[in-house]
Amino acid sequence: MDSFAPEFSLQFPSSAKDVRGALLKMRSYLGHIGITGDAAGQIEIVLAEILNNVVEHALQEAGEGVIQLNCEPREDMLRFAVCDNGDAMPDGRVPGPRLPCLNTAFHDLPEGGFGWALVHMLARDLHYERIATNNILYFSVATSHPT
């Protein structure tokens, strides 16, 4: 993993309310550095999916879980590191991009299973590490789109 020097950093408790607060602070930071519109929306979607997964899965049993969100601007992207002290990812790796089966009756459609597919569509350079009792997920999200 290359060096990582965050310009924006937040540490917060692992609750849905605190995730919402962190996303609001990130949105403010994005505006401060001139990232708005679709790019800001995509970054927010990726972060919401990842942070909510941490709360719902990695830290569901922790009670006193803590999430650290770091962001480093680069040329045409933002690099992120999300660290938590929860359970390890299943099989020690990032879940794949596969969508749940949608070829079923309307009332049998799944409620979840779309998050990691969205993350894989909108983020790049996904890299997961487990160091001692901490999870670290690194990823990048583009801040500009080719025309």
N, C-alpha and C. Protein backbone atom coordinates (compact mmCIF):
# COMPACT_ATOMS: atom_id res chain seq x y z
N MET A 1 0.85 -1.17 0.00
CA MET A 1 0.00 0.00 0.00
C MET A 1 0.89 1.23 0.00
N ASP A 2 0.60 2.19 -0.88
CA ASP A 2 1.41 3.39 -0.93
C ASP A 2 1.13 4.28 0.29
N SER A 3 1.94 5.32 0.47
CA SER A 3 1.79 6.18 1.64
C SER A 3 0.45 6.89 1.61
N PHE A 4 -0.04 7.19 2.79
CA PHE A 4 -1.36 7.79 2.93
C PHE A 4 -1.24 8.94 3.91
N ALA A 5 -1.54 10.17 3.46
CA ALA A 5 -1.44 11.36 4.30
C ALA A 5 -2.78 12.08 4.29
N PRO A 6 -3.66 11.76 5.25
CA PRO A 6 -5.00 12.35 5.22
C PRO A 6 -5.00 13.85 5.46
N GLU A 7 -5.88 14.53 4.74
CA GLU A 7 -6.11 15.96 4.95
C GLU A 7 -7.35 16.15 5.81
N PHE A 8 -8.26 15.19 5.74
CA PHE A 8 -9.51 15.23 6.48
C PHE A 8 -9.60 13.96 7.29
N SER A 9 -9.92 14.07 8.57
CA SER A 9 -9.98 12.90 9.44
C SER A 9 -11.08 13.08 10.48
N LEU A 10 -11.86 12.02 10.67
CA LEU A 10 -12.92 12.01 11.68
C LEU A 10 -12.84 10.70 12.46
N GLN A 11 -13.11 10.77 13.74
CA GLN A 11 -13.26 9.58 14.55
C GLN A 11 -14.60 9.71 15.26
N PHE A 12 -15.42 8.65 15.20
CA PHE A 12 -16.76 8.75 15.76
C PHE A 12 -17.26 7.37 16.22
N PRO A 13 -18.23 7.37 17.14
CA PRO A 13 -18.80 6.10 17.61
C PRO A 13 -19.56 5.39 16.50
N SER A 14 -19.71 4.10 16.66
CA SER A 14 -20.34 3.28 15.62
C SER A 14 -21.85 3.21 15.82
N SER A 15 -22.53 4.27 15.42
CA SER A 15 -24.00 4.27 15.43
C SER A 15 -24.50 4.88 14.14
N ALA A 16 -25.72 4.54 13.76
CA ALA A 16 -26.29 5.09 12.54
C ALA A 16 -26.36 6.62 12.63
N LYS A 17 -26.68 7.15 13.79
CA LYS A 17 -26.75 8.60 13.98
C LYS A 17 -25.38 9.25 13.75
N ASP A 18 -24.33 8.62 14.29
CA ASP A 18 -22.98 9.17 14.12
C ASP A 18 -22.50 9.05 12.69
N VAL A 19 -22.91 8.01 11.99
CA VAL A 19 -22.57 7.89 10.56
C VAL A 19 -23.22 9.04 9.79
N ARG A 20 -24.49 9.34 10.07
CA ARG A 20 -25.15 10.47 9.40
C ARG A 20 -24.39 11.77 9.67
N GLY A 21 -23.96 11.97 10.92
CA GLY A 21 -23.19 13.16 11.24
C GLY A 21 -21.87 13.22 10.49
N ALA A 22 -21.20 12.08 10.38
CA ALA A 22 -19.93 12.03 9.65
C ALA A 22 -20.14 12.33 8.17
N LEU A 23 -21.23 11.82 7.60
CA LEU A 23 -21.51 12.09 6.19
C LEU A 23 -21.79 13.58 5.96
N LEU A 24 -22.47 14.22 6.89
CA LEU A 24 -22.70 15.67 6.78
C LEU A 24 -21.39 16.44 6.84
N LYS A 25 -20.49 16.05 7.74
CA LYS A 25 -19.18 16.70 7.83
C LYS A 25 -18.38 16.48 6.56
N MET A 26 -18.45 15.26 6.01
CA MET A 26 -17.74 14.97 4.76
C MET A 26 -18.31 15.81 3.63
N ARG A 27 -19.63 15.94 3.56
CA ARG A 27 -20.26 16.74 2.51
C ARG A 27 -19.79 18.19 2.59
N SER A 28 -19.68 18.71 3.82
CA SER A 28 -19.17 20.08 4.02
C SER A 28 -17.72 20.19 3.55
N TYR A 29 -16.91 19.20 3.90
CA TYR A 29 -15.51 19.20 3.46
C TYR A 29 -15.42 19.15 1.94
N LEU A 30 -16.24 18.32 1.31
CA LEU A 30 -16.23 18.23 -0.15
C LEU A 30 -16.54 19.58 -0.78
N GLY A 31 -17.54 20.28 -0.25
CA GLY A 31 -17.86 21.62 -0.75
C GLY A 31 -16.71 22.57 -0.56
N HIS A 32 -16.03 22.46 0.58
CA HIS A 32 -14.89 23.32 0.89
C HIS A 32 -13.76 23.15 -0.13
N ILE A 33 -13.55 21.92 -0.61
CA ILE A 33 -12.47 21.69 -1.58
C ILE A 33 -12.98 21.72 -3.03
N GLY A 34 -14.24 22.13 -3.21
CA GLY A 34 -14.78 22.34 -4.56
C GLY A 34 -15.37 21.12 -5.23
N ILE A 35 -15.69 20.10 -4.49
CA ILE A 35 -16.31 18.90 -5.08
C ILE A 35 -17.80 18.97 -4.78
N THR A 36 -18.60 19.07 -5.83
CA THR A 36 -20.05 19.18 -5.68
C THR A 36 -20.73 18.28 -6.70
N GLY A 37 -22.03 18.36 -6.76
CA GLY A 37 -22.81 17.67 -7.79
C GLY A 37 -22.67 16.16 -7.75
N ASP A 38 -22.60 15.57 -8.95
CA ASP A 38 -22.56 14.11 -9.08
C ASP A 38 -21.37 13.49 -8.36
N ALA A 39 -20.21 14.12 -8.45
CA ALA A 39 -19.02 13.56 -7.81
C ALA A 39 -19.22 13.49 -6.29
N ALA A 40 -19.75 14.55 -5.70
CA ALA A 40 -20.00 14.56 -4.25
C ALA A 40 -21.05 13.51 -3.91
N GLY A 41 -22.07 13.38 -4.73
CA GLY A 41 -23.11 12.37 -4.49
C GLY A 41 -22.57 10.96 -4.53
N GLN A 42 -21.69 10.68 -5.49
CA GLN A 42 -21.10 9.34 -5.59
C GLN A 42 -20.22 9.04 -4.38
N ILE A 43 -19.46 10.02 -3.95
CA ILE A 43 -18.60 9.83 -2.78
C ILE A 43 -19.47 9.55 -1.56
N GLU A 44 -20.55 10.29 -1.43
CA GLU A 44 -21.45 10.09 -0.29
C GLU A 44 -22.10 8.71 -0.32
N ILE A 45 -22.50 8.25 -1.48
CA ILE A 45 -23.09 6.91 -1.60
C ILE A 45 -22.09 5.85 -1.15
N VAL A 46 -20.86 5.93 -1.66
CA VAL A 46 -19.83 4.94 -1.30
C VAL A 46 -19.58 4.97 0.21
N LEU A 47 -19.39 6.15 0.76
CA LEU A 47 -19.13 6.25 2.20
C LEU A 47 -20.31 5.75 3.03
N ALA A 48 -21.52 6.11 2.63
CA ALA A 48 -22.70 5.65 3.37
C ALA A 48 -22.78 4.13 3.37
N GLU A 49 -22.56 3.51 2.23
CA GLU A 49 -22.61 2.05 2.16
C GLU A 49 -21.54 1.41 3.05
N ILE A 50 -20.33 1.91 2.96
CA ILE A 50 -19.23 1.33 3.73
C ILE A 50 -19.42 1.57 5.22
N LEU A 51 -19.70 2.80 5.61
CA LEU A 51 -19.84 3.11 7.04
C LEU A 51 -21.04 2.40 7.66
N ASN A 52 -22.15 2.33 6.94
CA ASN A 52 -23.31 1.61 7.48
C ASN A 52 -23.04 0.12 7.58
N ASN A 53 -22.26 -0.44 6.66
CA ASN A 53 -21.87 -1.85 6.78
C ASN A 53 -21.01 -2.08 8.01
N VAL A 54 -20.12 -1.15 8.30
CA VAL A 54 -19.29 -1.27 9.51
C VAL A 54 -20.20 -1.33 10.74
N VAL A 55 -21.15 -0.39 10.82
CA VAL A 55 -22.05 -0.34 11.98
C VAL A 55 -22.90 -1.60 12.06
N GLU A 56 -23.49 -2.02 10.94
CA GLU A 56 -24.43 -3.13 10.95
C GLU A 56 -23.79 -4.50 11.06
N HIS A 57 -22.56 -4.63 10.57
CA HIS A 57 -21.96 -5.97 10.53
C HIS A 57 -20.70 -6.08 11.38
N ALA A 58 -19.70 -5.28 11.12
CA ALA A 58 -18.43 -5.42 11.83
C ALA A 58 -18.57 -5.09 13.31
N LEU A 59 -19.38 -4.07 13.61
CA LEU A 59 -19.47 -3.60 15.00
C LEU A 59 -20.81 -3.89 15.66
N GLN A 60 -21.60 -4.76 15.07
CA GLN A 60 -22.93 -5.03 15.62
C GLN A 60 -22.88 -5.56 17.04
N GLU A 61 -21.85 -6.27 17.40
CA GLU A 61 -21.74 -6.84 18.74
C GLU A 61 -20.79 -6.04 19.63
N ALA A 62 -20.08 -5.08 19.07
CA ALA A 62 -19.01 -4.42 19.81
C ALA A 62 -19.51 -3.50 20.92
N GLY A 63 -20.65 -2.88 20.73
CA GLY A 63 -21.17 -1.97 21.75
C GLY A 63 -20.44 -0.65 21.81
N GLU A 64 -19.15 -0.67 21.91
CA GLU A 64 -18.35 0.56 22.03
C GLU A 64 -17.43 0.72 20.83
N GLY A 65 -17.92 0.40 19.66
CA GLY A 65 -17.09 0.47 18.47
C GLY A 65 -16.76 1.89 18.07
N VAL A 66 -15.62 2.02 17.43
CA VAL A 66 -15.14 3.33 16.96
C VAL A 66 -14.76 3.20 15.49
N ILE A 67 -15.12 4.22 14.73
CA ILE A 67 -14.79 4.28 13.30
C ILE A 67 -13.88 5.48 13.08
N GLN A 68 -12.84 5.27 12.30
CA GLN A 68 -11.93 6.35 11.89
C GLN A 68 -12.05 6.49 10.38
N LEU A 69 -12.36 7.69 9.92
CA LEU A 69 -12.48 7.98 8.49
C LEU A 69 -11.40 8.98 8.11
N ASN A 70 -10.54 8.60 7.17
CA ASN A 70 -9.47 9.48 6.69
C ASN A 70 -9.64 9.69 5.20
N CYS A 71 -9.35 10.91 4.75
CA CYS A 71 -9.49 11.25 3.34
C CYS A 71 -8.29 12.06 2.90
N GLU A 72 -7.76 11.69 1.74
CA GLU A 72 -6.62 12.40 1.16
C GLU A 72 -6.94 12.76 -0.29
N PRO A 73 -6.99 14.05 -0.61
CA PRO A 73 -7.20 14.44 -2.01
C PRO A 73 -5.97 14.10 -2.86
N ARG A 74 -6.22 13.60 -4.03
CA ARG A 74 -5.18 13.39 -5.04
C ARG A 74 -5.67 14.05 -6.32
N GLU A 75 -4.92 13.94 -7.40
CA GLU A 75 -5.22 14.66 -8.64
C GLU A 75 -6.70 14.66 -9.01
N ASP A 76 -7.22 13.54 -9.43
CA ASP A 76 -8.60 13.46 -9.90
C ASP A 76 -9.42 12.49 -9.06
N MET A 77 -9.01 12.33 -7.80
CA MET A 77 -9.72 11.38 -6.93
C MET A 77 -9.50 11.76 -5.47
N LEU A 78 -10.27 11.12 -4.64
CA LEU A 78 -10.04 11.17 -3.20
C LEU A 78 -9.70 9.75 -2.75
N ARG A 79 -8.67 9.63 -1.94
CA ARG A 79 -8.29 8.34 -1.36
C ARG A 79 -8.85 8.30 0.05
N PHE A 80 -9.41 7.18 0.44
CA PHE A 80 -10.01 7.02 1.75
C PHE A 80 -9.39 5.83 2.48
N ALA A 81 -9.41 5.92 3.79
CA ALA A 81 -9.11 4.79 4.66
C ALA A 81 -10.16 4.81 5.76
N VAL A 82 -10.86 3.70 5.90
CA VAL A 82 -11.85 3.55 6.96
C VAL A 82 -11.34 2.45 7.87
N CYS A 83 -11.18 2.80 9.15
CA CYS A 83 -10.65 1.86 10.13
C CYS A 83 -11.70 1.66 11.23
N ASP A 84 -11.87 0.43 11.67
CA ASP A 84 -12.78 0.14 12.77
C ASP A 84 -12.20 -0.99 13.61
N ASN A 85 -12.73 -1.15 14.81
CA ASN A 85 -12.26 -2.18 15.72
C ASN A 85 -13.28 -3.30 15.87
N GLY A 86 -13.96 -3.61 14.77
CA GLY A 86 -15.00 -4.64 14.78
C GLY A 86 -14.52 -5.99 14.26
N ASP A 87 -15.50 -6.85 13.99
CA ASP A 87 -15.21 -8.17 13.44
C ASP A 87 -14.56 -8.05 12.07
N ALA A 88 -13.74 -9.05 11.75
CA ALA A 88 -13.08 -9.09 10.44
C ALA A 88 -14.09 -9.32 9.32
N MET A 89 -13.73 -8.93 8.12
CA MET A 89 -14.55 -9.21 6.94
C MET A 89 -14.61 -10.72 6.73
N PRO A 90 -15.75 -11.22 6.27
CA PRO A 90 -15.85 -12.65 5.98
C PRO A 90 -14.76 -13.08 5.00
N ASP A 91 -14.12 -14.18 5.30
CA ASP A 91 -13.04 -14.72 4.46
C ASP A 91 -11.85 -13.78 4.33
N GLY A 92 -11.79 -12.73 5.16
CA GLY A 92 -10.65 -11.82 5.16
C GLY A 92 -10.50 -10.98 3.92
N ARG A 93 -11.59 -10.74 3.20
CA ARG A 93 -11.50 -9.91 1.99
C ARG A 93 -12.80 -9.15 1.74
N VAL A 94 -12.71 -8.15 0.88
CA VAL A 94 -13.86 -7.33 0.51
C VAL A 94 -14.88 -8.20 -0.21
N PRO A 95 -16.17 -8.10 0.16
CA PRO A 95 -17.18 -8.85 -0.59
C PRO A 95 -17.17 -8.46 -2.07
N GLY A 96 -17.56 -9.37 -2.90
CA GLY A 96 -17.55 -9.14 -4.34
C GLY A 96 -18.66 -8.23 -4.81
N PRO A 97 -18.66 -7.92 -6.10
CA PRO A 97 -19.61 -6.97 -6.65
C PRO A 97 -20.94 -7.59 -7.09
N ARG A 98 -21.15 -8.85 -6.80
CA ARG A 98 -22.33 -9.55 -7.32
C ARG A 98 -23.63 -9.01 -6.72
N LEU A 99 -24.59 -8.73 -7.58
CA LEU A 99 -25.91 -8.30 -7.15
C LEU A 99 -26.73 -9.51 -6.72
N PRO A 100 -27.69 -9.32 -5.82
CA PRO A 100 -28.57 -10.44 -5.46
C PRO A 100 -29.47 -10.80 -6.63
N CYS A 101 -30.02 -11.98 -6.60
CA CYS A 101 -30.90 -12.45 -7.67
C CYS A 101 -32.18 -11.62 -7.70
N LEU A 102 -32.49 -11.07 -8.86
CA LEU A 102 -33.69 -10.27 -9.03
C LEU A 102 -34.72 -10.97 -9.91
N ASN A 103 -34.40 -12.18 -10.33
CA ASN A 103 -35.28 -12.96 -11.17
C ASN A 103 -36.24 -13.76 -10.29
N THR A 104 -37.13 -13.04 -9.62
CA THR A 104 -38.04 -13.67 -8.68
C THR A 104 -39.32 -12.85 -8.60
N ALA A 105 -40.30 -13.39 -7.92
CA ALA A 105 -41.56 -12.67 -7.74
C ALA A 105 -41.32 -11.38 -6.94
N PHE A 106 -42.14 -10.38 -7.18
CA PHE A 106 -41.98 -9.08 -6.55
C PHE A 106 -41.89 -9.20 -5.03
N HIS A 107 -42.77 -9.97 -4.41
CA HIS A 107 -42.78 -10.08 -2.95
C HIS A 107 -41.58 -10.86 -2.40
N ASP A 108 -40.81 -11.51 -3.27
CA ASP A 108 -39.62 -12.24 -2.84
C ASP A 108 -38.32 -11.48 -3.12
N LEU A 109 -38.44 -10.26 -3.65
CA LEU A 109 -37.23 -9.48 -3.93
C LEU A 109 -36.48 -9.19 -2.63
N PRO A 110 -35.14 -9.24 -2.68
CA PRO A 110 -34.35 -9.01 -1.47
C PRO A 110 -34.37 -7.55 -1.04
N GLU A 111 -34.26 -7.32 0.26
CA GLU A 111 -34.19 -5.96 0.79
C GLU A 111 -32.76 -5.43 0.73
N GLY A 112 -31.79 -6.29 0.85
CA GLY A 112 -30.39 -5.86 0.88
C GLY A 112 -29.57 -6.60 -0.15
N GLY A 113 -28.25 -6.42 -0.03
CA GLY A 113 -27.34 -7.10 -0.93
C GLY A 113 -26.86 -6.24 -2.09
N PHE A 114 -27.25 -4.97 -2.10
CA PHE A 114 -26.88 -4.10 -3.21
C PHE A 114 -25.68 -3.21 -2.88
N GLY A 115 -25.37 -3.07 -1.61
CA GLY A 115 -24.35 -2.13 -1.17
C GLY A 115 -22.98 -2.35 -1.76
N TRP A 116 -22.46 -3.57 -1.65
CA TRP A 116 -21.11 -3.82 -2.17
C TRP A 116 -21.06 -3.72 -3.68
N ALA A 117 -22.17 -4.04 -4.37
CA ALA A 117 -22.20 -3.86 -5.82
C ALA A 117 -22.06 -2.37 -6.16
N LEU A 118 -22.76 -1.50 -5.40
CA LEU A 118 -22.62 -0.06 -5.60
C LEU A 118 -21.20 0.42 -5.32
N VAL A 119 -20.63 -0.07 -4.23
CA VAL A 119 -19.26 0.33 -3.89
C VAL A 119 -18.31 -0.06 -5.02
N HIS A 120 -18.43 -1.28 -5.53
CA HIS A 120 -17.54 -1.72 -6.62
C HIS A 120 -17.77 -0.90 -7.90
N MET A 121 -19.00 -0.44 -8.13
CA MET A 121 -19.28 0.36 -9.33
C MET A 121 -18.69 1.77 -9.22
N LEU A 122 -18.70 2.34 -8.01
CA LEU A 122 -18.33 3.75 -7.85
C LEU A 122 -16.93 3.99 -7.30
N ALA A 123 -16.35 2.99 -6.67
CA ALA A 123 -15.01 3.13 -6.08
C ALA A 123 -14.01 2.28 -6.85
N ARG A 124 -12.75 2.56 -6.62
CA ARG A 124 -11.70 1.74 -7.22
C ARG A 124 -10.60 1.55 -6.20
N ASP A 125 -9.66 0.69 -6.54
CA ASP A 125 -8.51 0.41 -5.67
C ASP A 125 -8.93 -0.08 -4.28
N LEU A 126 -9.98 -0.89 -4.21
CA LEU A 126 -10.42 -1.44 -2.92
C LEU A 126 -9.36 -2.38 -2.37
N HIS A 127 -8.96 -2.14 -1.14
CA HIS A 127 -7.94 -2.97 -0.50
C HIS A 127 -8.28 -3.08 0.98
N TYR A 128 -8.35 -4.31 1.48
CA TYR A 128 -8.70 -4.56 2.88
C TYR A 128 -7.52 -5.17 3.62
N GLU A 129 -7.32 -4.69 4.85
CA GLU A 129 -6.29 -5.28 5.73
C GLU A 129 -6.90 -5.48 7.11
N ARG A 130 -6.48 -6.54 7.75
CA ARG A 130 -6.82 -6.77 9.16
C ARG A 130 -5.50 -6.70 9.91
N ILE A 131 -5.37 -5.72 10.79
CA ILE A 131 -4.15 -5.54 11.57
C ILE A 131 -4.54 -5.62 13.04
N ALA A 132 -4.05 -6.67 13.70
CA ALA A 132 -4.41 -6.95 15.09
C ALA A 132 -5.93 -7.04 15.19
N THR A 133 -6.57 -6.14 15.92
CA THR A 133 -8.03 -6.19 16.08
C THR A 133 -8.73 -5.11 15.26
N ASN A 134 -8.04 -4.57 14.26
CA ASN A 134 -8.61 -3.49 13.45
C ASN A 134 -8.77 -3.88 11.99
N ASN A 135 -9.85 -3.41 11.41
CA ASN A 135 -10.09 -3.51 9.97
C ASN A 135 -9.70 -2.19 9.34
N ILE A 136 -9.05 -2.24 8.19
CA ILE A 136 -8.76 -1.03 7.43
C ILE A 136 -9.17 -1.29 5.98
N LEU A 137 -10.04 -0.44 5.48
CA LEU A 137 -10.46 -0.53 4.09
C LEU A 137 -9.98 0.73 3.38
N TYR A 138 -9.17 0.54 2.35
CA TYR A 138 -8.66 1.63 1.52
C TYR A 138 -9.43 1.61 0.20
N PHE A 139 -9.73 2.78 -0.33
CA PHE A 139 -10.39 2.87 -1.63
C PHE A 139 -10.28 4.29 -2.15
N SER A 140 -10.55 4.46 -3.43
CA SER A 140 -10.53 5.76 -4.09
C SER A 140 -11.86 5.98 -4.78
N VAL A 141 -12.24 7.25 -4.88
CA VAL A 141 -13.43 7.63 -5.63
C VAL A 141 -13.05 8.81 -6.52
N ALA A 142 -13.40 8.73 -7.79
CA ALA A 142 -13.08 9.79 -8.75
C ALA A 142 -13.81 11.07 -8.39
N THR A 143 -13.14 12.20 -8.61
CA THR A 143 -13.73 13.51 -8.36
C THR A 143 -14.05 14.24 -9.66
N SER A 144 -13.64 13.67 -10.76
CA SER A 144 -13.97 14.26 -12.07
C SER A 144 -14.33 13.13 -13.00
N HIS A 145 -15.12 13.46 -13.99
CA HIS A 145 -15.58 12.45 -14.95
C HIS A 145 -15.19 12.87 -16.35
N PRO A 146 -14.71 11.91 -17.15
CA PRO A 146 -14.36 12.25 -18.53
C PRO A 146 -15.60 12.71 -19.29
N THR A 147 -15.40 13.65 -20.19
CA THR A 147 -16.55 14.14 -20.99
C THR A 147 -16.54 13.54 -22.37
